[in-house]
């Protein structure tokens, strides 16, 4: 009976031994460096800077296509190389859209503040008003929900009065106040 119980465990151990060790990924050295467990060469540090630049541009709200174009202009690289840098930056730091919806909202609000400051500098009142409205919507300053009345907010309660009337004689006739209980 004990052999039956331990047989699956032995099979599992054999499977673990059969697995080949994982080949190191190109980005492992960068991950180790970011975690403080390794060092990079000067050329690898330049590449890490490109990854950071691509990721920061994505965090600022630029589209992937726009980031590739900026990498091509800034780094003088070809389109394929810029696409690879962006893809590896995404693998290294994560997808900007999935990091945090609140973070994306904050990025949009910051971009709207920037647009508003440009509109103020150019004295464009309509643009200022529209950016203020958009900032208010994203900040949830304006609500489209109807206001609740105080009656809706208060819980419903049953009140039971302990007043006894017998032969036209009530307890209140002696000057006692009514007793009540909230249920």
Protein backbone atom coordinates (compact mmCIF):
# COMPACT_ATOMS: atom_id res chain seq x y z
CA UNK A 1 0.00 0.00 0.00
CA UNK A 2 2.84 2.38 0.69
CA UNK A 3 4.25 1.72 -2.80
CA UNK A 4 0.96 2.84 -4.32
CA UNK A 5 1.06 6.09 -2.35
CA UNK A 6 4.67 6.94 -3.20
CA UNK A 7 4.55 5.85 -6.85
CA UNK A 8 3.17 9.19 -8.15
CA UNK A 9 5.80 11.06 -6.12
CA UNK A 10 8.60 8.99 -7.69
CA UNK A 11 7.20 9.69 -11.16
CA UNK A 12 7.11 13.41 -10.40
CA UNK A 13 10.74 13.34 -9.24
CA UNK A 14 11.76 11.54 -12.42
CA UNK A 15 9.97 14.15 -14.53
CA UNK A 16 11.80 16.94 -12.73
CA UNK A 17 15.14 15.27 -13.42
CA UNK A 18 14.30 14.88 -17.12
CA UNK A 19 13.71 18.61 -17.62
CA UNK A 20 16.52 20.44 -19.35
CA UNK A 21 17.82 23.61 -17.73
CA UNK A 22 16.38 26.74 -19.27
CA UNK A 23 18.69 28.58 -21.60
CA UNK A 24 19.42 32.12 -20.42
CA UNK A 25 17.26 34.80 -21.98
CA UNK A 26 18.80 37.87 -23.59
CA UNK A 27 17.01 40.09 -21.07
CA UNK A 28 18.07 38.07 -18.00
CA UNK A 29 21.24 40.12 -17.57
CA UNK A 30 19.19 43.34 -17.64
CA UNK A 31 16.72 41.92 -15.13
CA UNK A 32 19.59 40.89 -12.85
CA UNK A 33 21.08 44.38 -13.13
CA UNK A 34 17.75 46.03 -12.29
CA UNK A 35 17.44 43.75 -9.26
CA UNK A 36 20.96 44.65 -8.14
CA UNK A 37 22.39 41.18 -8.77
CA UNK A 38 24.64 41.86 -11.73
CA UNK A 39 26.71 44.30 -13.73
CA UNK A 40 26.45 45.45 -17.32
CA UNK A 41 29.06 46.42 -19.86
CA UNK A 42 29.03 49.99 -21.25
CA UNK A 43 27.31 48.83 -24.47
CA UNK A 44 24.67 46.98 -22.42
CA UNK A 45 24.12 50.11 -20.33
CA UNK A 46 23.47 52.07 -23.55
CA UNK A 47 20.94 49.43 -24.60
CA UNK A 48 19.27 49.59 -21.18
CA UNK A 49 19.00 53.35 -21.62
CA UNK A 50 17.21 52.78 -24.95
CA UNK A 51 14.81 50.38 -23.21
CA UNK A 52 14.14 52.95 -20.50
CA UNK A 53 13.59 55.69 -23.06
CA UNK A 54 11.10 53.58 -25.05
CA UNK A 55 9.22 52.59 -21.89
CA UNK A 56 9.11 56.15 -20.55
CA UNK A 57 7.71 57.40 -23.85
CA UNK A 58 5.00 54.73 -23.65
CA UNK A 59 4.27 55.83 -20.07
CA UNK A 60 3.87 59.41 -21.27
CA UNK A 61 1.06 58.24 -23.52
CA UNK A 62 2.79 57.93 -26.90
CA UNK A 63 1.50 55.16 -29.16
CA UNK A 64 3.79 52.24 -30.01
CA UNK A 65 4.09 53.52 -33.59
CA UNK A 66 5.06 56.98 -32.41
CA UNK A 67 7.66 55.52 -30.01
CA UNK A 68 9.20 53.56 -32.89
CA UNK A 69 9.41 56.72 -34.98
CA UNK A 70 11.01 58.65 -32.11
CA UNK A 71 13.53 55.84 -31.56
CA UNK A 72 14.40 55.92 -35.26
CA UNK A 73 14.95 59.71 -35.10
CA UNK A 74 16.71 59.78 -31.75
CA UNK A 75 18.88 56.70 -32.11
CA UNK A 76 19.27 56.71 -35.88
CA UNK A 77 18.12 53.09 -35.99
CA UNK A 78 16.13 51.21 -38.58
CA UNK A 79 12.43 50.43 -38.14
CA UNK A 80 13.07 46.75 -37.33
CA UNK A 81 15.60 47.66 -34.66
CA UNK A 82 13.26 50.25 -33.14
CA UNK A 83 10.43 47.68 -33.08
CA UNK A 84 12.74 45.17 -31.36
CA UNK A 85 13.80 47.75 -28.75
CA UNK A 86 10.17 48.54 -27.99
CA UNK A 87 9.24 44.85 -27.80
CA UNK A 88 12.14 44.07 -25.45
CA UNK A 89 11.35 47.13 -23.32
CA UNK A 90 7.80 45.81 -23.00
CA UNK A 91 9.13 42.39 -21.99
CA UNK A 92 11.51 43.97 -19.49
CA UNK A 93 9.22 46.53 -17.83
CA UNK A 94 5.72 45.29 -18.70
CA UNK A 95 2.82 46.51 -20.79
CA UNK A 96 1.91 50.09 -19.98
CA UNK A 97 -1.80 49.46 -20.53
CA UNK A 98 -1.85 46.59 -18.05
CA UNK A 99 0.21 48.22 -15.34
CA UNK A 100 -2.62 50.16 -13.83
CA UNK A 101 -5.81 51.70 -15.10
CA UNK A 102 -5.45 54.42 -12.48
CA UNK A 103 -1.93 55.12 -13.73
CA UNK A 104 -3.19 55.43 -17.29
CA UNK A 105 -5.86 57.85 -16.10
CA UNK A 106 -3.20 59.93 -14.30
CA UNK A 107 -1.09 60.00 -17.48
CA UNK A 108 -4.08 61.29 -19.45
CA UNK A 109 -4.79 63.93 -16.82
CA UNK A 110 -1.16 65.10 -16.88
CA UNK A 111 -1.30 65.32 -20.67
CA UNK A 112 -4.49 67.37 -20.40
CA UNK A 113 -2.81 69.73 -17.94
CA UNK A 114 0.02 70.15 -20.44
CA UNK A 115 -2.50 70.85 -23.23
CA UNK A 116 -4.28 73.33 -20.97
CA UNK A 117 -1.06 75.21 -20.23
CA UNK A 118 -0.36 75.45 -23.97
CA UNK A 119 -3.92 76.69 -24.55
CA UNK A 120 -3.48 79.32 -21.82
CA UNK A 121 -0.18 80.45 -23.33
CA UNK A 122 -1.84 80.78 -26.73
CA UNK A 123 -4.90 82.46 -25.17
CA UNK A 124 -7.37 79.93 -26.60
CA UNK A 125 -10.34 80.07 -24.22
CA UNK A 126 -12.31 77.29 -25.93
CA UNK A 127 -9.40 74.87 -25.64
CA UNK A 128 -8.92 75.78 -21.97
CA UNK A 129 -12.60 75.19 -21.23
CA UNK A 130 -12.65 71.84 -23.03
CA UNK A 131 -9.49 70.60 -21.27
CA UNK A 132 -10.87 71.66 -17.88
CA UNK A 133 -14.05 69.69 -18.63
CA UNK A 134 -12.06 66.62 -19.65
CA UNK A 135 -9.88 66.85 -16.55
CA UNK A 136 -13.05 67.07 -14.46
CA UNK A 137 -14.52 64.00 -16.14
CA UNK A 138 -11.38 61.92 -15.64
CA UNK A 139 -11.04 63.13 -12.05
CA UNK A 140 -14.72 62.27 -11.50
CA UNK A 141 -15.55 65.77 -10.32
CA UNK A 142 -18.78 65.76 -12.29
CA UNK A 143 -21.23 62.98 -11.63
CA UNK A 144 -24.09 62.04 -13.88
CA UNK A 145 -25.81 60.09 -11.12
CA UNK A 146 -28.95 61.61 -9.65
CA UNK A 147 -28.72 62.81 -6.08
CA UNK A 148 -30.36 60.59 -3.48
CA UNK A 149 -32.94 62.04 -1.16
CA UNK A 150 -32.36 61.79 2.61
CA UNK A 151 -35.35 59.42 2.83
CA UNK A 152 -33.56 57.01 0.48
CA UNK A 153 -30.43 57.13 2.60
CA UNK A 154 -32.18 56.50 5.93
CA UNK A 155 -33.00 52.89 6.74
CA UNK A 156 -36.67 52.05 7.14
CA UNK A 157 -37.64 51.42 10.77
CA UNK A 158 -40.78 50.16 12.42
CA UNK A 159 -41.71 51.95 15.61
CA UNK A 160 -43.90 50.07 18.09
CA UNK A 161 -45.69 52.10 20.78
CA UNK A 162 -46.50 50.40 24.05
CA UNK A 163 -49.75 52.21 24.75
CA UNK A 164 -52.50 50.27 26.33
CA UNK A 165 -56.05 51.54 26.42
CA UNK A 166 -58.50 49.67 28.62
CA UNK A 167 -62.08 50.90 29.15
CA UNK A 168 -61.21 54.32 27.71
CA UNK A 169 -58.37 54.64 30.21
CA UNK A 170 -54.90 55.06 28.77
CA UNK A 171 -51.55 55.04 30.52
CA UNK A 172 -50.95 58.52 29.13
CA UNK A 173 -53.80 59.95 31.21
CA UNK A 174 -51.69 59.74 34.38
CA UNK A 175 -49.04 62.00 32.91
CA UNK A 176 -46.75 59.22 31.80
CA UNK A 177 -45.09 59.60 28.48
CA UNK A 178 -45.55 57.04 25.76
CA UNK A 179 -42.94 54.36 25.67
CA UNK A 180 -41.71 53.29 22.31
CA UNK A 181 -39.27 50.84 20.90
CA UNK A 182 -37.42 51.02 17.60
CA UNK A 183 -37.40 47.67 15.85
